[in-house]
PDB file of N, CA and C in Angstrom:
ATOM      1  N   UNK A   1     -31.636 -12.922 -31.107  1.00  0.00           N
ATOM      2  CA  UNK A   1     -30.455 -12.633 -30.362  1.00  0.00           C
ATOM      3  C   UNK A   1     -30.784 -12.952 -28.796  1.00  0.00           C
ATOM      4  N   UNK A   2     -29.825 -13.455 -28.231  1.00  0.00           N
ATOM      5  CA  UNK A   2     -29.881 -13.670 -26.812  1.00  0.00           C
ATOM      6  C   UNK A   2     -28.930 -12.699 -26.074  1.00  0.00           C
ATOM      7  N   UNK A   3     -29.301 -12.107 -25.141  1.00  0.00           N
ATOM      8  CA  UNK A   3     -28.454 -11.135 -24.499  1.00  0.00           C
ATOM      9  C   UNK A   3     -28.693 -11.188 -22.965  1.00  0.00           C
ATOM     10  N   UNK A   4     -27.552 -11.262 -22.199  1.00  0.00           N
ATOM     11  CA  UNK A   4     -27.457 -11.245 -20.849  1.00  0.00           C
ATOM     12  C   UNK A   4     -26.768  -9.848 -20.414  1.00  0.00           C
ATOM     13  N   UNK A   5     -27.383  -9.207 -19.458  1.00  0.00           N
ATOM     14  CA  UNK A   5     -26.862  -7.986 -19.031  1.00  0.00           C
ATOM     15  C   UNK A   5     -26.583  -7.962 -17.526  1.00  0.00           C
ATOM     16  N   UNK A   6     -25.598  -7.194 -17.127  1.00  0.00           N
ATOM     17  CA  UNK A   6     -25.295  -6.838 -15.718  1.00  0.00           C
ATOM     18  C   UNK A   6     -25.218  -5.427 -15.652  1.00  0.00           C
ATOM     19  N   UNK A   7     -26.395  -4.701 -15.609  1.00  0.00           N
ATOM     20  CA  UNK A   7     -26.490  -3.228 -15.829  1.00  0.00           C
ATOM     21  C   UNK A   7     -25.748  -2.947 -17.197  1.00  0.00           C
ATOM     22  N   UNK A   8     -24.671  -2.231 -17.159  1.00  0.00           N
ATOM     23  CA  UNK A   8     -24.082  -1.789 -18.553  1.00  0.00           C
ATOM     24  C   UNK A   8     -23.239  -2.827 -19.212  1.00  0.00           C
ATOM     25  N   UNK A   9     -22.773  -3.898 -18.336  1.00  0.00           N
ATOM     26  CA  UNK A   9     -21.935  -4.979 -18.965  1.00  0.00           C
ATOM     27  C   UNK A   9     -22.867  -5.992 -19.608  1.00  0.00           C
ATOM     28  N   UNK A  10     -22.333  -6.665 -20.630  1.00  0.00           N
ATOM     29  CA  UNK A  10     -23.181  -7.592 -21.359  1.00  0.00           C
ATOM     30  C   UNK A  10     -22.443  -8.818 -22.046  1.00  0.00           C
ATOM     31  N   UNK A  11     -23.225  -9.809 -22.443  1.00  0.00           N
ATOM     32  CA  UNK A  11     -22.748 -10.936 -23.270  1.00  0.00           C
ATOM     33  C   UNK A  11     -23.967 -11.203 -24.074  1.00  0.00           C
ATOM     34  N   UNK A  12     -23.737 -11.360 -25.435  1.00  0.00           N
ATOM     35  CA  UNK A  12     -24.850 -11.608 -26.310  1.00  0.00           C
ATOM     36  C   UNK A  12     -24.405 -12.674 -27.414  1.00  0.00           C
ATOM     37  N   UNK A  13     -25.324 -13.247 -28.086  1.00  0.00           N
ATOM     38  CA  UNK A  13     -25.022 -14.200 -29.104  1.00  0.00           C
ATOM     39  C   UNK A  13     -26.139 -13.945 -30.222  1.00  0.00           C
ATOM     40  N   UNK A  14     -25.704 -13.926 -31.399  1.00  0.00           N
ATOM     41  CA  UNK A  14     -26.705 -13.755 -32.607  1.00  0.00           C
ATOM     42  C   UNK A  14     -26.417 -14.959 -33.538  1.00  0.00           C
ATOM     43  N   UNK A  15     -27.540 -15.498 -33.929  1.00  0.00           N
ATOM     44  CA  UNK A  15     -27.417 -16.595 -34.873  1.00  0.00           C
ATOM     45  C   UNK A  15     -27.847 -16.284 -36.272  1.00  0.00           C
ATOM     46  N   UNK A  16     -27.135 -16.830 -37.239  1.00  0.00           N
ATOM     47  CA  UNK A  16     -27.429 -16.523 -38.760  1.00  0.00           C
ATOM     48  C   UNK A  16     -27.648 -17.800 -39.453  1.00  0.00           C
ATOM     49  N   UNK A  17     -28.901 -18.146 -39.879  1.00  0.00           N
ATOM     50  CA  UNK A  17     -29.135 -19.159 -40.779  1.00  0.00           C
ATOM     51  C   UNK A  17     -28.945 -20.535 -40.136  1.00  0.00           C
ATOM     52  N   UNK A  18     -28.907 -20.652 -38.745  1.00  0.00           N
ATOM     53  CA  UNK A  18     -28.711 -21.869 -37.973  1.00  0.00           C
ATOM     54  C   UNK A  18     -27.205 -22.379 -38.247  1.00  0.00           C
ATOM     55  N   UNK A  19     -26.330 -21.545 -38.805  1.00  0.00           N
ATOM     56  CA  UNK A  19     -24.928 -22.084 -39.124  1.00  0.00           C
ATOM     57  C   UNK A  19     -23.987 -21.182 -38.452  1.00  0.00           C
ATOM     58  N   UNK A  20     -24.140 -19.941 -38.449  1.00  0.00           N
ATOM     59  CA  UNK A  20     -23.117 -19.014 -37.822  1.00  0.00           C
ATOM     60  C   UNK A  20     -23.663 -18.423 -36.496  1.00  0.00           C
ATOM     61  N   UNK A  21     -22.749 -18.341 -35.568  1.00  0.00           N
ATOM     62  CA  UNK A  21     -23.074 -17.758 -34.263  1.00  0.00           C
ATOM     63  C   UNK A  21     -22.038 -16.608 -33.965  1.00  0.00           C
ATOM     64  N   UNK A  22     -22.489 -15.612 -33.544  1.00  0.00           N
ATOM     65  CA  UNK A  22     -21.695 -14.373 -33.266  1.00  0.00           C
ATOM     66  C   UNK A  22     -21.816 -13.994 -31.865  1.00  0.00           C
ATOM     67  N   UNK A  23     -21.104 -14.573 -30.839  1.00  0.00           N
ATOM     68  CA  UNK A  23     -21.073 -14.076 -29.556  1.00  0.00           C
ATOM     69  C   UNK A  23     -20.243 -12.892 -29.425  1.00  0.00           C
ATOM     70  N   UNK A  24     -20.670 -11.955 -28.474  1.00  0.00           N
ATOM     71  CA  UNK A  24     -19.762 -10.789 -28.126  1.00  0.00           C
ATOM     72  C   UNK A  24     -20.015 -10.386 -26.763  1.00  0.00           C
ATOM     73  N   UNK A  25     -18.999  -9.760 -26.091  1.00  0.00           N
ATOM     74  CA  UNK A  25     -19.016  -9.379 -24.731  1.00  0.00           C
ATOM     75  C   UNK A  25     -18.326  -8.024 -24.560  1.00  0.00           C
ATOM     76  N   UNK A  26     -18.828  -7.338 -23.540  1.00  0.00           N
ATOM     77  CA  UNK A  26     -18.214  -6.052 -23.054  1.00  0.00           C
ATOM     78  C   UNK A  26     -18.464  -5.838 -21.723  1.00  0.00           C
ATOM     79  N   UNK A  27     -17.326  -5.611 -20.880  1.00  0.00           N
ATOM     80  CA  UNK A  27     -17.523  -5.321 -19.460  1.00  0.00           C
ATOM     81  C   UNK A  27     -17.219  -3.926 -19.251  1.00  0.00           C
ATOM     82  N   UNK A  28     -18.036  -3.218 -18.311  1.00  0.00           N
ATOM     83  CA  UNK A  28     -17.864  -1.854 -18.091  1.00  0.00           C
ATOM     84  C   UNK A  28     -17.209  -1.494 -16.692  1.00  0.00           C
ATOM     85  N   UNK A  29     -17.107  -2.524 -15.849  1.00  0.00           N
ATOM     86  CA  UNK A  29     -16.449  -2.252 -14.495  1.00  0.00           C
ATOM     87  C   UNK A  29     -17.571  -1.692 -13.665  1.00  0.00           C
ATOM     88  N   UNK A  30     -18.774  -1.889 -13.883  1.00  0.00           N
ATOM     89  CA  UNK A  30     -19.862  -1.369 -13.106  1.00  0.00           C
ATOM     90  C   UNK A  30     -20.314  -2.226 -11.995  1.00  0.00           C
ATOM     91  N   UNK A  31     -20.985  -1.703 -11.147  1.00  0.00           N
ATOM     92  CA  UNK A  31     -21.635  -2.466 -10.047  1.00  0.00           C
ATOM     93  C   UNK A  31     -22.987  -3.094 -10.406  1.00  0.00           C
ATOM     94  N   UNK A  32     -23.301  -4.224  -9.968  1.00  0.00           N
ATOM     95  CA  UNK A  32     -24.509  -4.905 -10.240  1.00  0.00           C
ATOM     96  C   UNK A  32     -24.853  -5.760  -9.035  1.00  0.00           C
ATOM     97  N   UNK A  33     -25.985  -5.407  -8.334  1.00  0.00           N
ATOM     98  CA  UNK A  33     -26.309  -6.135  -7.099  1.00  0.00           C
ATOM     99  C   UNK A  33     -25.285  -6.122  -6.066  1.00  0.00           C
ATOM    100  N   UNK A  34     -24.535  -5.061  -6.000  1.00  0.00           N
ATOM    101  CA  UNK A  34     -23.541  -4.810  -5.040  1.00  0.00           C
ATOM    102  C   UNK A  34     -22.175  -5.441  -5.341  1.00  0.00           C
ATOM    103  N   UNK A  35     -21.995  -6.044  -6.452  1.00  0.00           N
ATOM    104  CA  UNK A  35     -20.747  -6.675  -6.832  1.00  0.00           C
ATOM    105  C   UNK A  35     -20.190  -5.998  -8.204  1.00  0.00           C
ATOM    106  N   UNK A  36     -18.953  -5.796  -8.279  1.00  0.00           N
ATOM    107  CA  UNK A  36     -18.265  -5.134  -9.486  1.00  0.00           C
ATOM    108  C   UNK A  36     -18.087  -6.116 -10.476  1.00  0.00           C
ATOM    109  N   UNK A  37     -18.616  -5.837 -11.724  1.00  0.00           N
ATOM    110  CA  UNK A  37     -18.333  -6.739 -12.853  1.00  0.00           C
ATOM    111  C   UNK A  37     -17.099  -6.247 -13.669  1.00  0.00           C
ATOM    112  N   UNK A  38     -16.034  -7.229 -13.528  1.00  0.00           N
ATOM    113  CA  UNK A  38     -14.779  -6.781 -14.126  1.00  0.00           C
ATOM    114  C   UNK A  38     -14.367  -7.636 -15.311  1.00  0.00           C
ATOM    115  N   UNK A  39     -15.138  -8.760 -15.658  1.00  0.00           N
ATOM    116  CA  UNK A  39     -14.660  -9.613 -16.633  1.00  0.00           C
ATOM    117  C   UNK A  39     -15.982 -10.383 -17.132  1.00  0.00           C
ATOM    118  N   UNK A  40     -16.018 -10.417 -18.485  1.00  0.00           N
ATOM    119  CA  UNK A  40     -17.131 -11.256 -19.121  1.00  0.00           C
ATOM    120  C   UNK A  40     -16.536 -12.002 -20.255  1.00  0.00           C
ATOM    121  N   UNK A  41     -16.844 -13.320 -20.262  1.00  0.00           N
ATOM    122  CA  UNK A  41     -16.228 -14.202 -21.312  1.00  0.00           C
ATOM    123  C   UNK A  41     -17.312 -14.868 -22.177  1.00  0.00           C
ATOM    124  N   UNK A  42     -17.109 -14.955 -23.455  1.00  0.00           N
ATOM    125  CA  UNK A  42     -18.056 -15.621 -24.234  1.00  0.00           C
ATOM    126  C   UNK A  42     -17.371 -16.690 -25.045  1.00  0.00           C
ATOM    127  N   UNK A  43     -18.142 -17.761 -25.474  1.00  0.00           N
ATOM    128  CA  UNK A  43     -17.712 -18.819 -26.254  1.00  0.00           C
ATOM    129  C   UNK A  43     -18.941 -19.568 -26.815  1.00  0.00           C
ATOM    130  N   UNK A  44     -18.781 -20.712 -27.431  1.00  0.00           N
ATOM    131  CA  UNK A  44     -19.812 -21.476 -27.978  1.00  0.00           C
ATOM    132  C   UNK A  44     -19.518 -22.975 -27.798  1.00  0.00           C
ATOM    133  N   UNK A  45     -20.434 -23.729 -27.382  1.00  0.00           N
ATOM    134  CA  UNK A  45     -20.244 -25.121 -27.364  1.00  0.00           C
ATOM    135  C   UNK A  45     -21.430 -25.880 -27.989  1.00  0.00           C
ATOM    136  N   UNK A  46     -21.183 -27.138 -28.557  1.00  0.00           N
ATOM    137  CA  UNK A  46     -22.217 -27.932 -29.039  1.00  0.00           C
ATOM    138  C   UNK A  46     -21.947 -29.302 -29.005  1.00  0.00           C
ATOM    139  N   UNK A  47     -22.981 -30.137 -29.183  1.00  0.00           N
ATOM    140  CA  UNK A  47     -22.843 -31.603 -29.139  1.00  0.00           C
ATOM    141  C   UNK A  47     -22.580 -32.154 -30.571  1.00  0.00           C
ATOM    142  N   UNK A  48     -21.588 -32.960 -30.695  1.00  0.00           N
ATOM    143  CA  UNK A  48     -21.297 -33.606 -31.881  1.00  0.00           C
ATOM    144  C   UNK A  48     -22.145 -34.818 -32.088  1.00  0.00           C
ATOM    145  N   UNK A  49     -22.336 -35.401 -33.305  1.00  0.00           N
ATOM    146  CA  UNK A  49     -23.225 -36.523 -33.490  1.00  0.00           C
ATOM    147  C   UNK A  49     -22.778 -37.781 -32.690  1.00  0.00           C
ATOM    148  N   UNK A  50     -21.455 -37.873 -32.317  1.00  0.00           N
ATOM    149  CA  UNK A  50     -21.026 -38.962 -31.551  1.00  0.00           C
ATOM    150  C   UNK A  50     -21.224 -38.759 -30.048  1.00  0.00           C
ATOM    151  N   UNK A  51     -21.904 -37.686 -29.696  1.00  0.00           N
ATOM    152  CA  UNK A  51     -22.173 -37.410 -28.196  1.00  0.00           C
ATOM    153  C   UNK A  51     -20.977 -36.617 -27.509  1.00  0.00           C
ATOM    154  N   UNK A  52     -19.940 -36.343 -28.238  1.00  0.00           N
ATOM    155  CA  UNK A  52     -18.832 -35.591 -27.641  1.00  0.00           C
ATOM    156  C   UNK A  52     -19.321 -34.061 -27.784  1.00  0.00           C
ATOM    157  N   UNK A  53     -18.520 -33.220 -26.974  1.00  0.00           N
ATOM    158  CA  UNK A  53     -18.826 -31.761 -26.892  1.00  0.00           C
ATOM    159  C   UNK A  53     -17.692 -31.038 -27.630  1.00  0.00           C
ATOM    160  N   UNK A  54     -18.057 -30.087 -28.386  1.00  0.00           N
ATOM    161  CA  UNK A  54     -17.124 -29.218 -28.985  1.00  0.00           C
ATOM    162  C   UNK A  54     -17.218 -27.887 -28.347  1.00  0.00           C
ATOM    163  N   UNK A  55     -16.123 -27.276 -28.018  1.00  0.00           N
ATOM    164  CA  UNK A  55     -16.197 -25.877 -27.323  1.00  0.00           C
ATOM    165  C   UNK A  55     -15.228 -24.970 -28.210  1.00  0.00           C
ATOM    166  N   UNK A  56     -15.724 -23.783 -28.617  1.00  0.00           N
ATOM    167  CA  UNK A  56     -14.966 -22.931 -29.456  1.00  0.00           C
ATOM    168  C   UNK A  56     -13.924 -22.216 -28.488  1.00  0.00           C
ATOM    169  N   UNK A  57     -12.934 -21.589 -29.123  1.00  0.00           N
ATOM    170  CA  UNK A  57     -12.048 -20.673 -28.348  1.00  0.00           C
ATOM    171  C   UNK A  57     -12.979 -19.575 -27.622  1.00  0.00           C
ATOM    172  N   UNK A  58     -12.500 -19.025 -26.706  1.00  0.00           N
ATOM    173  CA  UNK A  58     -13.275 -18.023 -25.925  1.00  0.00           C
ATOM    174  C   UNK A  58     -12.655 -16.615 -26.134  1.00  0.00           C
ATOM    175  N   UNK A  59     -13.364 -15.521 -25.884  1.00  0.00           N
ATOM    176  CA  UNK A  59     -12.854 -14.206 -25.820  1.00  0.00           C
ATOM    177  C   UNK A  59     -13.294 -13.569 -24.557  1.00  0.00           C
ATOM    178  N   UNK A  60     -12.485 -12.853 -23.876  1.00  0.00           N
ATOM    179  CA  UNK A  60     -12.792 -12.126 -22.630  1.00  0.00           C
ATOM    180  C   UNK A  60     -12.593 -10.573 -22.709  1.00  0.00           C
ATOM    181  N   UNK A  61     -13.554  -9.867 -22.245  1.00  0.00           N
ATOM    182  CA  UNK A  61     -13.458  -8.453 -22.098  1.00  0.00           C
ATOM    183  C   UNK A  61     -13.112  -8.267 -20.578  1.00  0.00           C
ATOM    184  N   UNK A  62     -12.029  -7.465 -20.276  1.00  0.00           N
ATOM    185  CA  UNK A  62     -11.676  -7.283 -18.909  1.00  0.00           C
ATOM    186  C   UNK A  62     -11.639  -5.789 -18.664  1.00  0.00           C
ATOM    187  N   UNK A  63     -12.210  -5.263 -17.532  1.00  0.00           N
ATOM    188  CA  UNK A  63     -12.167  -3.885 -17.100  1.00  0.00           C
ATOM    189  C   UNK A  63     -10.847  -3.730 -16.322  1.00  0.00           C
ATOM    190  N   UNK A  64     -10.401  -2.524 -16.310  1.00  0.00           N
ATOM    191  CA  UNK A  64      -9.026  -2.286 -15.527  1.00  0.00           C
ATOM    192  C   UNK A  64      -9.326  -1.108 -14.602  1.00  0.00           C
ATOM    193  N   UNK A  65      -8.681  -1.165 -13.430  1.00  0.00           N
ATOM    194  CA  UNK A  65      -8.667  -0.233 -12.476  1.00  0.00           C
ATOM    195  C   UNK A  65      -7.612   0.930 -12.725  1.00  0.00           C
ATOM    196  N   UNK A  66      -8.052   2.104 -12.698  1.00  0.00           N
ATOM    197  CA  UNK A  66      -7.104   3.169 -12.856  1.00  0.00           C
ATOM    198  C   UNK A  66      -6.727   3.806 -11.493  1.00  0.00           C
ATOM    199  N   UNK A  67      -7.069   3.055 -10.466  1.00  0.00           N
ATOM    200  CA  UNK A  67      -6.896   3.615  -9.123  1.00  0.00           C
ATOM    201  C   UNK A  67      -8.108   4.246  -8.483  1.00  0.00           C
ATOM    202  N   UNK A  68      -8.767   5.242  -9.093  1.00  0.00           N
ATOM    203  CA  UNK A  68      -9.910   5.882  -8.488  1.00  0.00           C
ATOM    204  C   UNK A  68     -11.151   5.450  -9.214  1.00  0.00           C
ATOM    205  N   UNK A  69     -11.031   4.884 -10.516  1.00  0.00           N
ATOM    206  CA  UNK A  69     -12.255   4.527 -11.169  1.00  0.00           C
ATOM    207  C   UNK A  69     -11.849   3.183 -12.007  1.00  0.00           C
ATOM    208  N   UNK A  70     -12.923   2.760 -12.750  1.00  0.00           N
ATOM    209  CA  UNK A  70     -12.702   1.539 -13.588  1.00  0.00           C
ATOM    210  C   UNK A  70     -12.882   1.947 -14.966  1.00  0.00           C
ATOM    211  N   UNK A  71     -11.999   1.331 -15.850  1.00  0.00           N
ATOM    212  CA  UNK A  71     -12.045   1.607 -17.318  1.00  0.00           C
ATOM    213  C   UNK A  71     -12.680   0.432 -17.986  1.00  0.00           C
ATOM    214  N   UNK A  72     -13.622   0.698 -18.809  1.00  0.00           N
ATOM    215  CA  UNK A  72     -14.401  -0.446 -19.544  1.00  0.00           C
ATOM    216  C   UNK A  72     -13.306  -1.252 -20.410  1.00  0.00           C
ATOM    217  N   UNK A  73     -13.683  -2.494 -20.549  1.00  0.00           N
ATOM    218  CA  UNK A  73     -12.871  -3.441 -21.443  1.00  0.00           C
ATOM    219  C   UNK A  73     -13.375  -3.234 -22.865  1.00  0.00           C
ATOM    220  N   UNK A  74     -12.538  -3.754 -23.802  1.00  0.00           N
ATOM    221  CA  UNK A  74     -13.010  -3.651 -25.215  1.00  0.00           C
ATOM    222  C   UNK A  74     -14.069  -4.653 -25.523  1.00  0.00           C
ATOM    223  N   UNK A  75     -14.912  -4.326 -26.510  1.00  0.00           N
ATOM    224  CA  UNK A  75     -15.866  -5.262 -27.038  1.00  0.00           C
ATOM    225  C   UNK A  75     -15.308  -6.418 -27.667  1.00  0.00           C
ATOM    226  N   UNK A  76     -15.449  -7.674 -27.346  1.00  0.00           N
ATOM    227  CA  UNK A  76     -14.783  -8.823 -27.893  1.00  0.00           C
ATOM    228  C   UNK A  76     -15.730  -9.646 -28.705  1.00  0.00           C
ATOM    229  N   UNK A  77     -15.384 -10.040 -29.919  1.00  0.00           N
ATOM    230  CA  UNK A  77     -16.253 -10.875 -30.846  1.00  0.00           C
ATOM    231  C   UNK A  77     -15.661 -12.155 -31.151  1.00  0.00           C
ATOM    232  N   UNK A  78     -16.625 -13.093 -31.495  1.00  0.00           N
ATOM    233  CA  UNK A  78     -16.279 -14.387 -32.123  1.00  0.00           C
ATOM    234  C   UNK A  78     -17.146 -14.649 -33.262  1.00  0.00           C
ATOM    235  N   UNK A  79     -16.726 -15.447 -34.189  1.00  0.00           N
ATOM    236  CA  UNK A  79     -17.533 -16.082 -35.252  1.00  0.00           C
ATOM    237  C   UNK A  79     -17.386 -17.464 -35.338  1.00  0.00           C
ATOM    238  N   UNK A  80     -18.441 -18.237 -35.005  1.00  0.00           N
ATOM    239  CA  UNK A  80     -18.357 -19.648 -34.940  1.00  0.00           C
ATOM    240  C   UNK A  80     -19.267 -20.351 -35.773  1.00  0.00           C
ATOM    241  N   UNK A  81     -18.748 -21.380 -36.598  1.00  0.00           N
ATOM    242  CA  UNK A  81     -19.630 -22.175 -37.477  1.00  0.00           C
ATOM    243  C   UNK A  81     -20.180 -23.397 -36.835  1.00  0.00           C
ATOM    244  N   UNK A  82     -21.410 -23.632 -36.973  1.00  0.00           N
ATOM    245  CA  UNK A  82     -22.115 -24.894 -36.448  1.00  0.00           C
ATOM    246  C   UNK A  82     -22.571 -25.540 -37.685  1.00  0.00           C
ATOM    247  N   UNK A  83     -21.692 -26.568 -38.086  1.00  0.00           N
ATOM    248  CA  UNK A  83     -21.992 -27.290 -39.294  1.00  0.00           C
ATOM    249  C   UNK A  83     -22.230 -28.797 -38.830  1.00  0.00           C
ATOM    250  N   UNK A  84     -22.645 -28.918 -37.616  1.00  0.00           N
ATOM    251  CA  UNK A  84     -22.945 -30.300 -37.178  1.00  0.00           C
ATOM    252  C   UNK A  84     -24.407 -30.493 -36.935  1.00  0.00           C
ATOM    253  N   UNK A  85     -24.933 -31.647 -37.457  1.00  0.00           N
ATOM    254  CA  UNK A  85     -26.345 -32.020 -37.169  1.00  0.00           C
ATOM    255  C   UNK A  85     -26.228 -33.052 -36.061  1.00  0.00           C
ATOM    256  N   UNK A  86     -26.552 -32.620 -34.932  1.00  0.00           N
ATOM    257  CA  UNK A  86     -26.498 -33.490 -33.810  1.00  0.00           C
ATOM    258  C   UNK A  86     -27.648 -33.409 -32.898  1.00  0.00           C
ATOM    259  N   UNK A  87     -27.806 -34.410 -32.066  1.00  0.00           N
ATOM    260  CA  UNK A  87     -28.934 -34.456 -31.027  1.00  0.00           C
ATOM    261  C   UNK A  87     -28.609 -33.346 -30.018  1.00  0.00           C
ATOM    262  N   UNK A  88     -29.642 -32.620 -29.537  1.00  0.00           N
ATOM    263  CA  UNK A  88     -29.503 -31.592 -28.667  1.00  0.00           C
ATOM    264  C   UNK A  88     -29.438 -32.065 -27.193  1.00  0.00           C
ATOM    265  N   UNK A  89     -29.294 -33.381 -26.951  1.00  0.00           N
ATOM    266  CA  UNK A  89     -29.297 -33.821 -25.561  1.00  0.00           C
ATOM    267  C   UNK A  89     -28.029 -34.425 -25.124  1.00  0.00           C
ATOM    268  N   UNK A  90     -26.973 -34.012 -25.637  1.00  0.00           N
ATOM    269  CA  UNK A  90     -25.623 -34.634 -25.210  1.00  0.00           C
ATOM    270  C   UNK A  90     -25.211 -34.126 -23.725  1.00  0.00           C
TER     271      UNK A  90
END
């Protein structure tokens, strides 16, 4: 599993059998290095055998302001199939 975090907010991706990828994201509206994290987007892209690039749809978790505080966004999920055998250098 690959995971990127900004304190409590995160984006991650898990791979299953080199075929399925499960990216997910959740934003908490927290501060990280003095900046407020209010949106996290995940998706998946790959190189096709002809050298073109495929990009999956994306999902975004957005925090909202209630005026005096921030409300965490929902956890967003994708399921993406990678059924292409392609060079990794496109």
